[in-house]
């Protein structure tokens, strides 16, 4: 039954898998992660996200919060507030890596 539920991977999924594997094997994934962490800290995004979480907890009370609910409520805001400059820099670095492979 499990085999029936699995869908065949398309070319895009195969490409993603291949890129992910190359990123891991070359340690570029860690380099990109470190770059992203540094840029998000530099621009204050991480501090803003912490404030958002603190406010969420304060408004609802820590006893009545389920982590899953908090993540579901905050994640869309967090993603939409990512600075375009940071996204562009990381994407450019990823494209450069892919084109060099």
N, C-alpha and C. Protein backbone atom coordinates (compact mmCIF):
# COMPACT_ATOMS: atom_id res chain seq x y z
N UNK A 1 0.82 -1.19 0.00
CA UNK A 1 0.00 0.00 0.00
C UNK A 1 0.86 1.25 0.00
N UNK A 2 1.97 1.23 0.73
CA UNK A 2 2.85 2.39 0.79
C UNK A 2 3.39 2.72 -0.59
N UNK A 3 3.64 1.70 -1.40
CA UNK A 3 4.15 1.95 -2.75
C UNK A 3 3.12 2.66 -3.61
N UNK A 4 1.85 2.37 -3.40
CA UNK A 4 0.79 3.01 -4.17
C UNK A 4 0.68 4.49 -3.83
N UNK A 5 0.98 4.86 -2.58
CA UNK A 5 0.85 6.24 -2.15
C UNK A 5 1.99 7.11 -2.64
N UNK A 6 3.15 6.52 -2.91
CA UNK A 6 4.29 7.30 -3.36
C UNK A 6 4.09 7.74 -4.80
N UNK A 7 4.38 9.02 -5.03
CA UNK A 7 4.28 9.54 -6.38
C UNK A 7 5.67 9.56 -6.98
N UNK A 8 5.78 9.31 -8.29
CA UNK A 8 7.10 9.34 -8.90
C UNK A 8 7.68 10.74 -8.84
N UNK A 9 9.00 10.79 -8.65
CA UNK A 9 9.66 12.08 -8.60
C UNK A 9 9.78 12.65 -10.00
N UNK A 10 9.45 13.91 -10.13
CA UNK A 10 9.59 14.59 -11.40
C UNK A 10 11.00 15.14 -11.54
N UNK A 11 11.29 15.70 -12.70
CA UNK A 11 12.62 16.24 -12.94
C UNK A 11 13.01 17.33 -11.95
N UNK A 12 12.05 18.15 -11.53
CA UNK A 12 12.36 19.23 -10.59
C UNK A 12 12.75 18.66 -9.23
N UNK A 13 12.06 17.62 -8.78
CA UNK A 13 12.41 17.00 -7.51
C UNK A 13 13.78 16.34 -7.59
N UNK A 14 14.08 15.72 -8.74
CA UNK A 14 15.40 15.11 -8.91
C UNK A 14 16.49 16.17 -8.88
N UNK A 15 16.23 17.30 -9.50
CA UNK A 15 17.20 18.39 -9.51
C UNK A 15 17.42 18.92 -8.10
N UNK A 16 16.34 19.12 -7.36
CA UNK A 16 16.46 19.57 -5.97
C UNK A 16 17.28 18.60 -5.15
N UNK A 17 17.02 17.32 -5.33
CA UNK A 17 17.76 16.30 -4.58
C UNK A 17 19.23 16.33 -4.93
N UNK A 18 19.53 16.48 -6.22
CA UNK A 18 20.93 16.52 -6.66
C UNK A 18 21.64 17.75 -6.10
N UNK A 19 20.97 18.89 -6.12
CA UNK A 19 21.57 20.12 -5.58
C UNK A 19 21.78 19.97 -4.08
N UNK A 20 20.79 19.46 -3.38
CA UNK A 20 20.91 19.27 -1.93
C UNK A 20 22.08 18.35 -1.59
N UNK A 21 22.24 17.29 -2.36
CA UNK A 21 23.34 16.36 -2.12
C UNK A 21 24.70 17.04 -2.36
N UNK A 22 24.80 17.81 -3.43
CA UNK A 22 26.06 18.51 -3.71
C UNK A 22 26.36 19.56 -2.65
N UNK A 23 25.32 20.24 -2.17
CA UNK A 23 25.52 21.22 -1.10
C UNK A 23 26.07 20.54 0.15
N UNK A 24 25.53 19.41 0.49
CA UNK A 24 26.00 18.68 1.68
C UNK A 24 27.42 18.17 1.49
N UNK A 25 27.68 17.58 0.34
CA UNK A 25 29.00 16.98 0.10
C UNK A 25 30.11 18.01 0.04
N UNK A 26 29.80 19.21 -0.37
CA UNK A 26 30.83 20.24 -0.52
C UNK A 26 30.92 21.16 0.70
N UNK A 27 30.05 21.00 1.66
CA UNK A 27 29.98 21.87 2.83
C UNK A 27 29.42 23.26 2.49
N UNK A 28 28.97 23.48 1.27
CA UNK A 28 28.41 24.78 0.89
C UNK A 28 27.11 25.05 1.63
N UNK A 29 26.40 24.01 1.99
CA UNK A 29 25.15 24.19 2.74
C UNK A 29 25.44 24.92 4.06
N UNK A 30 26.49 24.49 4.75
CA UNK A 30 26.85 25.13 6.01
C UNK A 30 27.30 26.57 5.78
N UNK A 31 28.03 26.81 4.69
CA UNK A 31 28.47 28.16 4.36
C UNK A 31 27.26 29.06 4.12
N UNK A 32 26.28 28.56 3.36
CA UNK A 32 25.06 29.33 3.10
C UNK A 32 24.27 29.57 4.39
N UNK A 33 24.20 28.57 5.24
CA UNK A 33 23.49 28.70 6.51
C UNK A 33 24.16 29.76 7.38
N UNK A 34 25.48 29.73 7.44
CA UNK A 34 26.21 30.73 8.23
C UNK A 34 26.01 32.14 7.67
N UNK A 35 26.02 32.26 6.35
CA UNK A 35 25.79 33.55 5.70
C UNK A 35 24.39 34.07 6.05
N UNK A 36 23.40 33.20 5.92
CA UNK A 36 22.03 33.58 6.22
C UNK A 36 21.89 34.00 7.69
N UNK A 37 22.46 33.22 8.59
CA UNK A 37 22.39 33.56 10.01
C UNK A 37 23.01 34.93 10.27
N UNK A 38 24.18 35.17 9.69
CA UNK A 38 24.88 36.44 9.90
C UNK A 38 24.06 37.62 9.37
N UNK A 39 23.54 37.49 8.16
CA UNK A 39 22.78 38.59 7.56
C UNK A 39 21.49 38.88 8.31
N UNK A 40 20.82 37.83 8.77
CA UNK A 40 19.57 38.04 9.51
C UNK A 40 19.83 38.68 10.87
N UNK A 41 20.96 38.39 11.45
CA UNK A 41 21.34 39.04 12.71
C UNK A 41 21.71 40.50 12.45
N UNK A 42 22.52 40.73 11.41
CA UNK A 42 22.97 42.10 11.08
C UNK A 42 21.81 43.05 10.80
N UNK A 43 20.80 42.57 10.12
CA UNK A 43 19.69 43.45 9.74
C UNK A 43 18.62 43.57 10.83
N UNK A 44 18.78 42.83 11.92
CA UNK A 44 17.84 42.94 13.03
C UNK A 44 16.62 42.04 12.92
N UNK A 45 16.57 41.21 11.89
CA UNK A 45 15.41 40.34 11.68
C UNK A 45 15.23 39.37 12.85
N UNK A 46 16.33 38.82 13.32
CA UNK A 46 16.24 37.85 14.42
C UNK A 46 15.69 38.50 15.69
N UNK A 47 16.14 39.72 15.97
CA UNK A 47 15.62 40.44 17.15
C UNK A 47 14.13 40.72 17.00
N UNK A 48 13.71 41.10 15.80
CA UNK A 48 12.29 41.36 15.56
C UNK A 48 11.47 40.08 15.72
N UNK A 49 12.01 38.97 15.28
CA UNK A 49 11.31 37.69 15.43
C UNK A 49 11.19 37.31 16.92
N UNK A 50 12.25 37.57 17.67
CA UNK A 50 12.19 37.30 19.12
C UNK A 50 11.11 38.16 19.78
N UNK A 51 11.03 39.43 19.39
CA UNK A 51 9.99 40.32 19.94
C UNK A 51 8.61 39.81 19.58
N UNK A 52 8.45 39.37 18.35
CA UNK A 52 7.17 38.83 17.90
C UNK A 52 6.77 37.62 18.75
N UNK A 53 7.73 36.75 19.02
CA UNK A 53 7.45 35.57 19.84
C UNK A 53 7.13 35.97 21.28
N UNK A 54 7.89 36.91 21.81
CA UNK A 54 7.63 37.37 23.17
C UNK A 54 6.23 37.96 23.29
N UNK A 55 5.85 38.79 22.33
CA UNK A 55 4.51 39.39 22.34
C UNK A 55 3.42 38.33 22.22
N UNK A 56 3.65 37.34 21.38
CA UNK A 56 2.69 36.25 21.20
C UNK A 56 2.46 35.54 22.53
N UNK A 57 3.57 35.23 23.21
CA UNK A 57 3.48 34.53 24.49
C UNK A 57 2.82 35.40 25.56
N UNK A 58 3.17 36.67 25.59
CA UNK A 58 2.60 37.59 26.58
C UNK A 58 1.10 37.75 26.38
N UNK A 59 0.67 37.89 25.13
CA UNK A 59 -0.76 38.08 24.84
C UNK A 59 -1.60 36.85 25.16
N UNK A 60 -1.07 35.67 24.93
CA UNK A 60 -1.86 34.46 25.10
C UNK A 60 -1.61 33.73 26.42
N UNK A 61 -0.50 34.01 27.05
CA UNK A 61 -0.16 33.30 28.28
C UNK A 61 0.57 32.02 27.95
N UNK A 62 1.68 31.82 28.60
CA UNK A 62 2.54 30.68 28.26
C UNK A 62 1.85 29.33 28.51
N UNK A 63 0.94 29.29 29.47
CA UNK A 63 0.28 28.02 29.79
C UNK A 63 -0.70 27.59 28.71
N UNK A 64 -1.20 28.54 27.93
CA UNK A 64 -2.24 28.20 26.96
C UNK A 64 -1.72 28.10 25.53
N UNK A 65 -0.41 28.09 25.35
CA UNK A 65 0.16 28.07 24.00
C UNK A 65 0.66 26.67 23.66
N UNK A 66 0.27 26.22 22.49
CA UNK A 66 0.84 25.00 21.93
C UNK A 66 1.91 25.44 20.92
N UNK A 67 3.05 24.82 20.97
CA UNK A 67 4.15 25.20 20.08
C UNK A 67 3.73 25.17 18.62
N UNK A 68 2.99 24.16 18.24
CA UNK A 68 2.53 24.04 16.85
C UNK A 68 1.68 25.24 16.44
N UNK A 69 0.79 25.68 17.33
CA UNK A 69 -0.04 26.84 17.03
C UNK A 69 0.80 28.10 16.89
N UNK A 70 1.77 28.24 17.77
CA UNK A 70 2.65 29.42 17.72
C UNK A 70 3.43 29.45 16.41
N UNK A 71 3.98 28.32 16.04
CA UNK A 71 4.73 28.24 14.78
C UNK A 71 3.81 28.55 13.60
N UNK A 72 2.63 27.97 13.59
CA UNK A 72 1.69 28.21 12.49
C UNK A 72 1.27 29.67 12.38
N UNK A 73 1.17 30.35 13.51
CA UNK A 73 0.77 31.76 13.50
C UNK A 73 1.93 32.69 13.14
N UNK A 74 3.13 32.38 13.61
CA UNK A 74 4.26 33.28 13.42
C UNK A 74 5.02 33.03 12.13
N UNK A 75 5.08 31.81 11.67
CA UNK A 75 5.88 31.48 10.48
C UNK A 75 5.54 32.32 9.26
N UNK A 76 4.28 32.50 8.91
CA UNK A 76 3.98 33.33 7.72
C UNK A 76 4.48 34.77 7.86
N UNK A 77 4.37 35.32 9.05
CA UNK A 77 4.86 36.68 9.30
C UNK A 77 6.38 36.72 9.19
N UNK A 78 7.03 35.73 9.77
CA UNK A 78 8.49 35.66 9.74
C UNK A 78 9.00 35.55 8.30
N UNK A 79 8.38 34.69 7.52
CA UNK A 79 8.82 34.51 6.14
C UNK A 79 8.59 35.77 5.33
N UNK A 80 7.44 36.39 5.49
CA UNK A 80 7.14 37.59 4.70
C UNK A 80 8.00 38.78 5.10
N UNK A 81 8.57 38.74 6.29
CA UNK A 81 9.40 39.87 6.72
C UNK A 81 10.89 39.68 6.43
N UNK A 82 11.24 38.56 5.81
CA UNK A 82 12.64 38.37 5.42
C UNK A 82 13.04 39.47 4.44
N UNK A 83 14.14 40.16 4.70
CA UNK A 83 14.55 41.24 3.80
C UNK A 83 14.88 40.73 2.41
N UNK A 84 14.40 41.45 1.40
CA UNK A 84 14.66 41.06 0.02
C UNK A 84 16.16 41.02 -0.28
N UNK A 85 16.91 41.91 0.32
CA UNK A 85 18.36 41.94 0.07
C UNK A 85 19.04 40.66 0.56
N UNK A 86 18.58 40.14 1.68
CA UNK A 86 19.15 38.90 2.22
C UNK A 86 18.77 37.73 1.33
N UNK A 87 17.50 37.67 0.94
CA UNK A 87 17.07 36.59 0.05
C UNK A 87 17.85 36.62 -1.26
N UNK A 88 18.04 37.82 -1.81
CA UNK A 88 18.76 37.96 -3.08
C UNK A 88 20.21 37.52 -2.95
N UNK A 89 20.85 37.89 -1.85
CA UNK A 89 22.26 37.52 -1.66
C UNK A 89 22.44 36.01 -1.54
N UNK A 90 21.59 35.38 -0.75
CA UNK A 90 21.69 33.93 -0.57
C UNK A 90 21.36 33.21 -1.88
N UNK A 91 20.34 33.69 -2.58
CA UNK A 91 19.96 33.08 -3.86
C UNK A 91 21.08 33.22 -4.88
N UNK A 92 21.73 34.37 -4.92
CA UNK A 92 22.83 34.57 -5.86
C UNK A 92 23.99 33.64 -5.53
N UNK A 93 24.26 33.48 -4.25
CA UNK A 93 25.34 32.57 -3.84
C UNK A 93 25.00 31.13 -4.23
N UNK A 94 23.74 30.75 -4.07
CA UNK A 94 23.29 29.42 -4.44
C UNK A 94 23.39 29.22 -5.95
N UNK A 95 22.96 30.21 -6.72
CA UNK A 95 23.06 30.11 -8.17
C UNK A 95 24.51 29.98 -8.62
N UNK A 96 25.40 30.73 -8.00
CA UNK A 96 26.82 30.65 -8.34
C UNK A 96 27.35 29.26 -8.06
N UNK A 97 26.95 28.70 -6.93
CA UNK A 97 27.38 27.35 -6.60
C UNK A 97 26.89 26.34 -7.63
N UNK A 98 25.61 26.43 -7.96
CA UNK A 98 25.03 25.48 -8.92
C UNK A 98 25.70 25.61 -10.29
N UNK A 99 25.95 26.84 -10.72
CA UNK A 99 26.56 27.00 -12.05
C UNK A 99 28.02 26.55 -12.08
N UNK A 100 28.67 26.50 -10.93
CA UNK A 100 30.06 26.05 -10.90
C UNK A 100 30.18 24.54 -10.84
N UNK A 101 29.08 23.86 -10.66
CA UNK A 101 29.11 22.38 -10.53
C UNK A 101 28.99 21.69 -11.87
